[in-house]
């Protein structure tokens, strides 16, 4: 049975579970069946169904009731799987006594701060970077650690005051593999607390998948843990998550000289290499990323991408077209470059941080909602974010790229014709 066939096998069960959670129905049998499958020989397909088709829709709704439903679901999943073979270390960690209460929080006593990754590149730029900036600018001048995977760590490699803790989260992995990352993070944070008195370590959780949105305990004995509930904070208001995170941080840690904004600091080598992408005098550079991270709903139907690139060429832009992630995205990007007039576009192959460095010398970013759009907003580059596939308007409001120069968001309705989206894009250009 192929991976896709296995995924489809669990899709009806996931849909049943999600619908019952949303409507107050009896969701427990479907959740138990998914959890049991996620610990067996079908673990990968069942885990992908659980996270991709139940957990993520609940989380992306930004509805407090659905956030509570997610918490109930995941607590039940943990109860179901923890006694299974292979989950012994996870069961042992979950059985530990709660953290002894730390002393009353005094921000002046912070000596080290650990900020958890939100896992996706865009979320770490939009939200987590605001947490990092708050700690870097804090009067106590704590040592700042960022617990993340290598691609995410690279986005801040140009800031020597941020030290990395490697905690790569397998977004396509099984339930066990995702939970083992939590255990790795616990061990790393315990090491970061070594030599510190009670209350001198601060753990900041920006709603990380490492803790499954705050459900898995991390704090060593008598150290401080603060979690930002991004699903429920300012629940009745619109606005980007980065701005809301800045408000929450001010409430807990005081206001700095200026509100923190999203930021990135690519490695110096990437910034140096990006200089080769600068166009000749009088030309303008557009950085393009039409990657969707495996979510086809975020794209616009053909011939939008080619016609959008031709519209940029008509405006005098030369283009750096990012190859994205994976063979399929690279193939599509290469075909786009080949379809354009000679000399108007080149394919960028490289890491996300190297493309972010290209953005730093660009005049415009154009692409689907992605980490690149958030990087452009953080860098202050003019950006047009073609935002399709949002399940709710609240979700689109929360994830609209915000920073030194917020992106121009081009919302795309489900099923909207490519010609109509292209016409609205030309108006923005």
Protein backbone atom coordinates (compact mmCIF):
# COMPACT_ATOMS: atom_id res chain seq x y z
CA UNK A 1 0.00 0.00 0.00
CA UNK A 2 1.43 3.39 -1.03
CA UNK A 3 1.87 6.29 1.40
CA UNK A 4 -1.01 8.12 -0.30
CA UNK A 5 -3.26 5.06 -0.06
CA UNK A 6 -2.43 4.76 3.64
CA UNK A 7 -3.22 8.44 4.17
CA UNK A 8 -6.56 8.07 2.41
CA UNK A 9 -7.31 5.07 4.61
CA UNK A 10 -7.34 7.34 7.67
CA UNK A 11 -8.91 10.43 6.07
CA UNK A 12 -12.55 9.46 6.88
CA UNK A 13 -11.62 8.74 10.50
CA UNK A 14 -9.86 12.09 10.78
CA UNK A 15 -12.83 13.89 9.21
CA UNK A 16 -15.21 12.16 11.65
CA UNK A 17 -13.05 13.19 14.61
CA UNK A 18 -12.75 16.81 13.47
CA UNK A 19 -16.46 17.21 12.81
CA UNK A 20 -17.38 15.77 16.22
CA UNK A 21 -14.87 18.01 18.00
CA UNK A 22 -16.29 21.08 16.26
CA UNK A 23 -19.93 20.24 16.87
CA UNK A 24 -19.76 18.79 20.37
CA UNK A 25 -20.35 15.24 19.19
CA UNK A 26 -18.77 12.04 20.49
CA UNK A 27 -15.23 12.33 19.15
CA UNK A 28 -13.46 9.98 21.56
CA UNK A 29 -13.85 6.69 19.58
CA UNK A 30 -12.38 8.21 16.41
CA UNK A 31 -9.56 9.85 18.40
CA UNK A 32 -8.76 6.55 20.14
CA UNK A 33 -8.67 4.71 16.81
CA UNK A 34 -6.29 7.29 15.32
CA UNK A 35 -4.06 7.20 18.40
CA UNK A 36 -3.89 3.40 18.38
CA UNK A 37 -3.02 3.44 14.69
CA UNK A 38 -0.38 6.13 15.30
CA UNK A 39 1.54 3.75 17.57
CA UNK A 40 1.29 0.70 15.28
CA UNK A 41 2.69 -0.34 11.89
CA UNK A 42 0.56 2.35 10.23
CA UNK A 43 2.03 5.02 12.53
CA UNK A 44 3.22 7.46 9.87
CA UNK A 45 0.01 7.63 7.83
CA UNK A 46 -2.18 7.78 10.94
CA UNK A 47 0.01 10.48 12.50
CA UNK A 48 -0.17 12.59 9.36
CA UNK A 49 -3.95 12.27 9.34
CA UNK A 50 -4.13 13.17 13.03
CA UNK A 51 -1.97 16.28 12.71
CA UNK A 52 -2.73 17.39 9.16
CA UNK A 53 -6.48 16.80 9.13
CA UNK A 54 -7.51 17.27 12.77
CA UNK A 55 -4.92 19.18 14.81
CA UNK A 56 -3.97 21.83 12.24
CA UNK A 57 -7.56 22.76 11.27
CA UNK A 58 -8.42 23.17 14.97
CA UNK A 59 -5.36 25.31 15.58
CA UNK A 60 -5.72 27.41 12.42
CA UNK A 61 -9.27 28.42 13.32
CA UNK A 62 -8.07 30.80 16.08
CA UNK A 63 -11.30 29.92 17.85
CA UNK A 64 -10.90 29.46 21.64
CA UNK A 65 -13.51 26.68 21.70
CA UNK A 66 -11.59 24.76 19.03
CA UNK A 67 -8.32 25.38 20.89
CA UNK A 68 -9.92 23.76 23.96
CA UNK A 69 -11.08 20.89 21.77
CA UNK A 70 -7.50 20.42 20.56
CA UNK A 71 -6.25 20.29 24.16
CA UNK A 72 -8.86 17.65 25.07
CA UNK A 73 -8.02 15.65 21.95
CA UNK A 74 -4.28 15.63 22.55
CA UNK A 75 -4.57 14.79 26.23
CA UNK A 76 -6.64 11.76 25.24
CA UNK A 77 -4.12 10.79 22.56
CA UNK A 78 -1.31 10.93 25.12
CA UNK A 79 -3.31 8.73 27.50
CA UNK A 80 -3.89 6.19 24.72
CA UNK A 81 -0.32 5.93 23.43
CA UNK A 82 1.89 6.32 26.49
CA UNK A 83 1.64 2.68 27.61
CA UNK A 84 2.57 1.30 24.18
CA UNK A 85 5.98 -0.29 23.42
CA UNK A 86 8.45 2.33 22.26
CA UNK A 87 6.81 5.09 24.29
CA UNK A 88 8.40 4.20 27.64
CA UNK A 89 10.57 7.32 27.90
CA UNK A 90 7.60 9.51 27.01
CA UNK A 91 5.45 7.81 29.64
CA UNK A 92 8.16 8.27 32.27
CA UNK A 93 8.46 11.99 31.49
CA UNK A 94 4.69 12.50 31.59
CA UNK A 95 4.52 10.71 34.96
CA UNK A 96 7.02 13.05 36.64
CA UNK A 97 5.78 15.25 39.43
CA UNK A 98 4.90 18.82 38.45
CA UNK A 99 7.63 21.42 38.61
CA UNK A 100 8.24 22.83 42.08
CA UNK A 101 6.97 26.39 42.11
CA UNK A 102 9.75 28.86 41.29
CA UNK A 103 10.21 32.01 43.35
CA UNK A 104 8.12 35.05 42.45
CA UNK A 105 9.10 36.19 38.99
CA UNK A 106 11.61 39.03 38.99
CA UNK A 107 12.72 39.99 35.45
CA UNK A 108 15.89 41.56 36.85
CA UNK A 109 17.08 38.08 37.89
CA UNK A 110 16.92 36.49 34.44
CA UNK A 111 20.36 35.17 33.50
CA UNK A 112 19.41 32.86 30.64
CA UNK A 113 16.38 32.80 28.37
CA UNK A 114 15.37 29.90 26.12
CA UNK A 115 12.92 30.70 23.31
CA UNK A 116 11.20 27.73 21.63
CA UNK A 117 10.72 27.52 17.89
CA UNK A 118 7.24 27.46 16.38
CA UNK A 119 8.78 25.06 13.83
CA UNK A 120 7.68 26.65 10.54
CA UNK A 121 10.00 29.26 9.05
CA UNK A 122 7.26 31.83 8.57
CA UNK A 123 6.00 31.50 12.14
CA UNK A 124 9.49 31.84 13.56
CA UNK A 125 9.97 35.07 11.64
CA UNK A 126 6.50 36.46 12.31
CA UNK A 127 6.23 35.53 15.99
CA UNK A 128 9.28 33.87 17.53
CA UNK A 129 11.68 36.57 16.36
CA UNK A 130 9.66 39.08 18.40
CA UNK A 131 10.33 36.96 21.50
CA UNK A 132 14.03 36.78 20.67
CA UNK A 133 14.23 40.55 20.18
CA UNK A 134 12.49 41.19 23.50
CA UNK A 135 15.07 39.10 25.32
CA UNK A 136 18.02 40.59 23.41
CA UNK A 137 16.86 44.08 24.36
CA UNK A 138 15.90 43.22 27.94
CA UNK A 139 17.67 45.31 30.62
CA UNK A 140 18.81 42.14 32.43
CA UNK A 141 20.87 41.20 29.33
CA UNK A 142 20.30 37.44 29.65
CA UNK A 143 22.09 34.86 27.55
CA UNK A 144 19.59 34.06 24.77
CA UNK A 145 19.10 30.55 23.40
CA UNK A 146 16.87 29.55 20.48
CA UNK A 147 15.63 25.93 20.45
CA UNK A 148 14.95 25.10 16.79
CA UNK A 149 15.91 23.06 13.75
CA UNK A 150 18.93 23.97 11.58
CA UNK A 151 17.02 25.88 8.88
CA UNK A 152 15.36 28.06 11.50
CA UNK A 153 18.59 28.62 13.41
CA UNK A 154 20.26 29.78 10.18
CA UNK A 155 17.82 32.71 9.90
CA UNK A 156 19.41 34.25 13.01
CA UNK A 157 22.99 33.04 12.52
CA UNK A 158 24.10 36.61 11.82
CA UNK A 159 23.22 37.64 15.39
CA UNK A 160 26.08 36.41 17.62
CA UNK A 161 24.08 36.95 20.81
CA UNK A 162 21.63 34.16 19.89
CA UNK A 163 22.93 30.67 20.68
CA UNK A 164 21.29 27.66 19.06
CA UNK A 165 19.86 24.55 20.70
CA UNK A 166 19.26 21.91 18.04
CA UNK A 167 15.69 20.58 18.31
CA UNK A 168 14.63 19.66 14.75
CA UNK A 169 10.92 18.86 14.66
CA UNK A 170 9.84 16.24 12.07
CA UNK A 171 6.75 17.86 10.57
CA UNK A 172 6.24 14.80 8.35
CA UNK A 173 7.16 12.32 11.08
CA UNK A 174 5.09 10.01 13.22
CA UNK A 175 3.60 10.78 16.61
CA UNK A 176 6.46 9.09 18.48
CA UNK A 177 9.11 11.04 16.57
CA UNK A 178 7.37 14.33 17.32
CA UNK A 179 7.13 13.53 21.02
CA UNK A 180 10.79 12.53 21.18
CA UNK A 181 11.70 16.07 20.11
CA UNK A 182 9.95 17.25 23.28
CA UNK A 183 12.17 14.95 25.33
CA UNK A 184 15.28 16.28 23.54
CA UNK A 185 14.18 19.83 24.32
CA UNK A 186 13.61 18.93 28.00
CA UNK A 187 17.15 17.59 28.28
CA UNK A 188 18.66 20.60 26.51
CA UNK A 189 16.77 23.06 28.69
CA UNK A 190 17.78 21.19 31.83
CA UNK A 191 21.40 21.59 30.69
CA UNK A 192 20.81 25.31 30.14
CA UNK A 193 19.63 25.57 33.74
CA UNK A 194 22.82 24.01 35.08
CA UNK A 195 24.54 26.29 37.55
CA UNK A 196 21.60 28.68 37.86
CA UNK A 197 19.75 29.50 41.04
CA UNK A 198 15.95 29.11 41.18
CA UNK A 199 14.22 31.76 39.07
CA UNK A 200 17.25 32.62 36.92
CA UNK A 201 16.17 30.65 33.83
CA UNK A 202 13.25 31.81 31.70
CA UNK A 203 11.58 29.57 29.09
CA UNK A 204 9.43 31.38 26.55
CA UNK A 205 6.94 29.31 24.56
CA UNK A 206 5.39 31.23 21.63
CA UNK A 207 2.83 28.41 21.11
CA UNK A 208 5.34 25.84 19.93
CA UNK A 209 4.67 22.47 18.37
CA UNK A 210 7.55 21.18 20.49
CA UNK A 211 5.22 21.40 23.51
CA UNK A 212 2.11 20.72 21.40
CA UNK A 213 0.82 24.22 22.15
CA UNK A 214 1.81 24.17 25.81
CA UNK A 215 0.49 20.72 26.78
CA UNK A 216 3.88 19.04 27.37
CA UNK A 217 5.87 20.27 30.40
CA UNK A 218 9.38 21.65 29.90
CA UNK A 219 10.49 23.75 32.86
CA UNK A 220 13.26 22.38 35.12
CA UNK A 221 12.73 22.55 38.87
CA UNK A 222 12.02 26.04 40.18
CA UNK A 223 12.54 27.81 36.85
CA UNK A 224 10.10 30.05 35.02
CA UNK A 225 7.97 29.09 32.01
CA UNK A 226 5.74 31.56 30.17
CA UNK A 227 3.47 30.44 27.31
CA UNK A 228 1.80 32.73 24.78
CA UNK A 229 -1.64 31.34 23.92
CA UNK A 230 -1.76 32.69 20.39
CA UNK A 231 -5.05 30.88 19.67
CA UNK A 232 -6.97 32.78 22.34
CA UNK A 233 -5.09 36.03 23.06
CA UNK A 234 -7.16 39.06 21.97
CA UNK A 235 -9.68 36.58 20.61
CA UNK A 236 -12.19 39.20 19.53
CA UNK A 237 -9.70 41.35 17.63
CA UNK A 238 -8.07 41.17 14.22
CA UNK A 239 -4.39 41.79 13.66
CA UNK A 240 -1.14 39.96 12.89
CA UNK A 241 0.26 37.53 15.43
CA UNK A 242 3.58 39.35 15.64
CA UNK A 243 1.87 42.53 16.83
CA UNK A 244 -0.21 40.58 19.35
CA UNK A 245 2.93 38.81 20.60
CA UNK A 246 4.58 42.20 21.12
CA UNK A 247 1.61 43.31 23.25
CA UNK A 248 1.70 40.12 25.31
CA UNK A 249 5.44 40.45 25.88
CA UNK A 250 5.04 44.05 27.01
CA UNK A 251 2.38 42.97 29.52
CA UNK A 252 4.72 40.38 31.05
CA UNK A 253 8.19 41.89 30.67
CA UNK A 254 7.65 45.63 30.34
CA UNK A 255 7.98 48.02 27.44
CA UNK A 256 11.33 48.68 25.79
CA UNK A 257 12.42 51.81 23.99
CA UNK A 258 10.30 50.72 21.02
CA UNK A 259 7.94 47.81 20.34
CA UNK A 260 9.80 44.76 18.99
CA UNK A 261 9.27 43.95 15.32
CA UNK A 262 9.88 40.72 13.40
CA UNK A 263 13.48 40.48 12.19
CA UNK A 264 15.99 38.08 10.68
CA UNK A 265 19.78 37.97 10.50
CA UNK A 266 20.99 35.62 7.73
CA UNK A 267 24.58 34.34 7.91
CA UNK A 268 27.22 36.83 6.63
CA UNK A 269 28.23 34.39 3.87
CA UNK A 270 24.66 34.37 2.51
CA UNK A 271 24.51 38.18 2.59
CA UNK A 272 27.80 38.39 0.72
CA UNK A 273 26.65 35.92 -1.92
CA UNK A 274 23.38 37.82 -2.34
CA UNK A 275 25.27 40.82 -3.70
CA UNK A 276 25.72 38.88 -6.95
CA UNK A 277 21.96 39.07 -7.46
CA UNK A 278 21.93 42.86 -7.58
CA UNK A 279 20.79 43.92 -11.05
CA UNK A 280 22.69 46.30 -13.29
CA UNK A 281 22.19 50.03 -12.82
CA UNK A 282 18.64 51.11 -13.60
CA UNK A 283 17.11 47.63 -13.30
CA UNK A 284 14.91 46.39 -10.48
CA UNK A 285 15.05 42.99 -8.80
CA UNK A 286 11.95 41.00 -7.89
CA UNK A 287 12.33 37.93 -5.66
CA UNK A 288 9.66 35.33 -6.37
CA UNK A 289 8.60 32.29 -4.37
CA UNK A 290 5.61 30.30 -5.54
CA UNK A 291 6.22 27.41 -3.13
CA UNK A 292 3.27 26.08 -1.13
CA UNK A 293 4.90 23.60 1.25
CA UNK A 294 2.78 20.72 -0.01
CA UNK A 295 -0.50 22.60 0.48
CA UNK A 296 -1.97 23.03 -3.01
CA UNK A 297 -4.81 25.16 -1.61
CA UNK A 298 -2.31 28.02 -1.16
CA UNK A 299 -1.70 28.28 -4.92
CA UNK A 300 -3.65 29.95 -7.74
CA UNK A 301 -4.55 27.97 -10.85
CA UNK A 302 -2.57 28.27 -14.07
CA UNK A 303 -1.70 30.45 -15.88
CA UNK A 304 -1.41 32.82 -12.90
CA UNK A 305 2.27 32.27 -12.03
CA UNK A 306 3.58 32.73 -15.59
CA UNK A 307 1.35 35.71 -16.29
CA UNK A 308 2.33 37.32 -12.97
CA UNK A 309 6.02 36.96 -13.83
CA UNK A 310 5.41 38.42 -17.30
CA UNK A 311 3.66 41.38 -15.66
CA UNK A 312 6.80 41.99 -13.59
CA UNK A 313 8.97 41.78 -16.71
CA UNK A 314 6.75 44.40 -18.37
CA UNK A 315 7.41 46.67 -15.36
CA UNK A 316 11.17 46.38 -15.88
CA UNK A 317 11.95 43.80 -13.21
CA UNK A 318 14.51 41.04 -13.47
CA UNK A 319 13.60 38.07 -11.29
CA UNK A 320 15.21 35.70 -8.81
CA UNK A 321 12.84 32.71 -8.74
CA UNK A 322 13.32 30.52 -5.69
CA UNK A 323 13.41 26.78 -6.28
CA UNK A 324 11.51 26.16 -3.05
CA UNK A 325 11.58 22.83 -1.21
CA UNK A 326 11.48 19.44 -2.87
CA UNK A 327 11.71 18.13 -6.41
CA UNK A 328 8.19 19.15 -7.43
CA UNK A 329 8.58 22.80 -6.41
CA UNK A 330 11.99 23.02 -8.07
CA UNK A 331 10.59 21.55 -11.29
CA UNK A 332 7.77 24.09 -11.35
CA UNK A 333 10.15 26.98 -10.61
CA UNK A 334 12.56 25.87 -13.34
CA UNK A 335 9.73 25.58 -15.87
CA UNK A 336 8.61 29.10 -14.96
CA UNK A 337 12.10 30.51 -15.56
CA UNK A 338 12.38 28.69 -18.90
CA UNK A 339 9.01 30.03 -20.04
CA UNK A 340 10.01 33.69 -19.59
CA UNK A 341 11.86 35.91 -22.09
CA UNK A 342 15.63 35.25 -22.04
CA UNK A 343 17.55 37.24 -19.46
CA UNK A 344 14.55 38.19 -17.35
CA UNK A 345 14.77 35.47 -14.66
CA UNK A 346 17.24 33.13 -12.97
CA UNK A 347 16.57 30.18 -10.68
CA UNK A 348 17.73 30.48 -7.09
CA UNK A 349 18.84 27.15 -5.64
CA UNK A 350 19.89 27.20 -2.03
CA UNK A 351 18.83 27.40 1.57
CA UNK A 352 15.98 29.49 2.87
CA UNK A 353 18.47 31.80 4.59
CA UNK A 354 20.26 32.38 1.28
CA UNK A 355 16.97 33.36 -0.38
CA UNK A 356 16.22 35.65 2.57
CA UNK A 357 19.58 37.28 1.88
CA UNK A 358 18.53 37.77 -1.77
CA UNK A 359 15.38 39.44 -0.46
CA UNK A 360 17.56 41.93 1.40
CA UNK A 361 18.85 43.30 -1.94
CA UNK A 362 15.52 43.05 -3.81
CA UNK A 363 13.08 45.80 -4.66
CA UNK A 364 9.98 43.62 -4.49
CA UNK A 365 8.81 40.23 -3.26
CA UNK A 366 5.97 38.41 -4.96
CA UNK A 367 4.68 35.02 -3.89
CA UNK A 368 2.17 32.94 -2.06
CA UNK A 369 1.82 33.21 1.69
CA UNK A 370 5.05 31.70 2.99
CA UNK A 371 8.11 32.20 5.12
CA UNK A 372 9.59 34.30 2.32
CA UNK A 373 6.71 36.79 2.56
CA UNK A 374 7.33 37.14 6.30
CA UNK A 375 11.06 37.58 5.67
CA UNK A 376 10.34 40.40 3.21
CA UNK A 377 8.10 42.19 5.72
CA UNK A 378 10.74 41.80 8.43
CA UNK A 379 13.43 43.22 6.15
CA UNK A 380 11.27 46.16 5.08
CA UNK A 381 11.05 45.05 1.43
CA UNK A 382 7.94 45.88 -0.57
CA UNK A 383 6.00 42.62 -0.72
CA UNK A 384 2.83 41.35 -2.37
CA UNK A 385 1.52 38.29 -0.55
CA UNK A 386 -0.96 36.28 -2.66
CA UNK A 387 -2.88 34.75 0.23
CA UNK A 388 -5.01 31.81 -0.90
CA UNK A 389 -6.24 28.81 1.06
CA UNK A 390 -7.09 30.56 4.34
CA UNK A 391 -9.84 28.59 6.12
CA UNK A 392 -11.10 31.74 7.90
CA UNK A 393 -10.58 35.49 7.64
CA UNK A 394 -9.30 35.50 11.22
CA UNK A 395 -6.54 33.11 10.18
CA UNK A 396 -5.59 35.37 7.25
CA UNK A 397 -5.55 38.39 9.57
CA UNK A 398 -3.32 36.57 12.07
CA UNK A 399 -0.80 35.42 9.46
CA UNK A 400 -0.62 38.53 7.27
CA UNK A 401 3.11 39.39 7.03
CA UNK A 402 3.95 42.25 9.39
CA UNK A 403 7.19 44.02 10.23
CA UNK A 404 9.22 47.04 9.14
CA UNK A 405 7.03 47.16 6.05
CA UNK A 406 3.88 45.01 6.25
CA UNK A 407 3.11 43.14 3.05
CA UNK A 408 0.33 44.09 0.70
CA UNK A 409 -2.01 41.12 1.08
CA UNK A 410 -3.89 39.99 -2.01
CA UNK A 411 -6.64 37.74 -0.60
CA UNK A 412 -7.81 34.96 -2.90
CA UNK A 413 -11.20 33.35 -2.44
CA UNK A 414 -11.66 29.63 -2.91
CA UNK A 415 -12.23 28.87 -6.57
CA UNK A 416 -11.50 32.44 -7.71
CA UNK A 417 -10.47 32.55 -11.38
CA UNK A 418 -6.78 33.07 -12.09
CA UNK A 419 -7.63 35.89 -14.50
CA UNK A 420 -9.37 37.83 -11.74
CA UNK A 421 -6.45 37.40 -9.32
CA UNK A 422 -4.05 38.50 -12.05
CA UNK A 423 -6.11 41.61 -12.76
CA UNK A 424 -6.02 42.60 -9.08
CA UNK A 425 -2.27 41.92 -8.95
CA UNK A 426 -1.67 44.23 -11.90
CA UNK A 427 -3.56 46.95 -10.02
CA UNK A 428 -1.13 46.57 -7.09
CA UNK A 429 1.91 46.70 -9.37
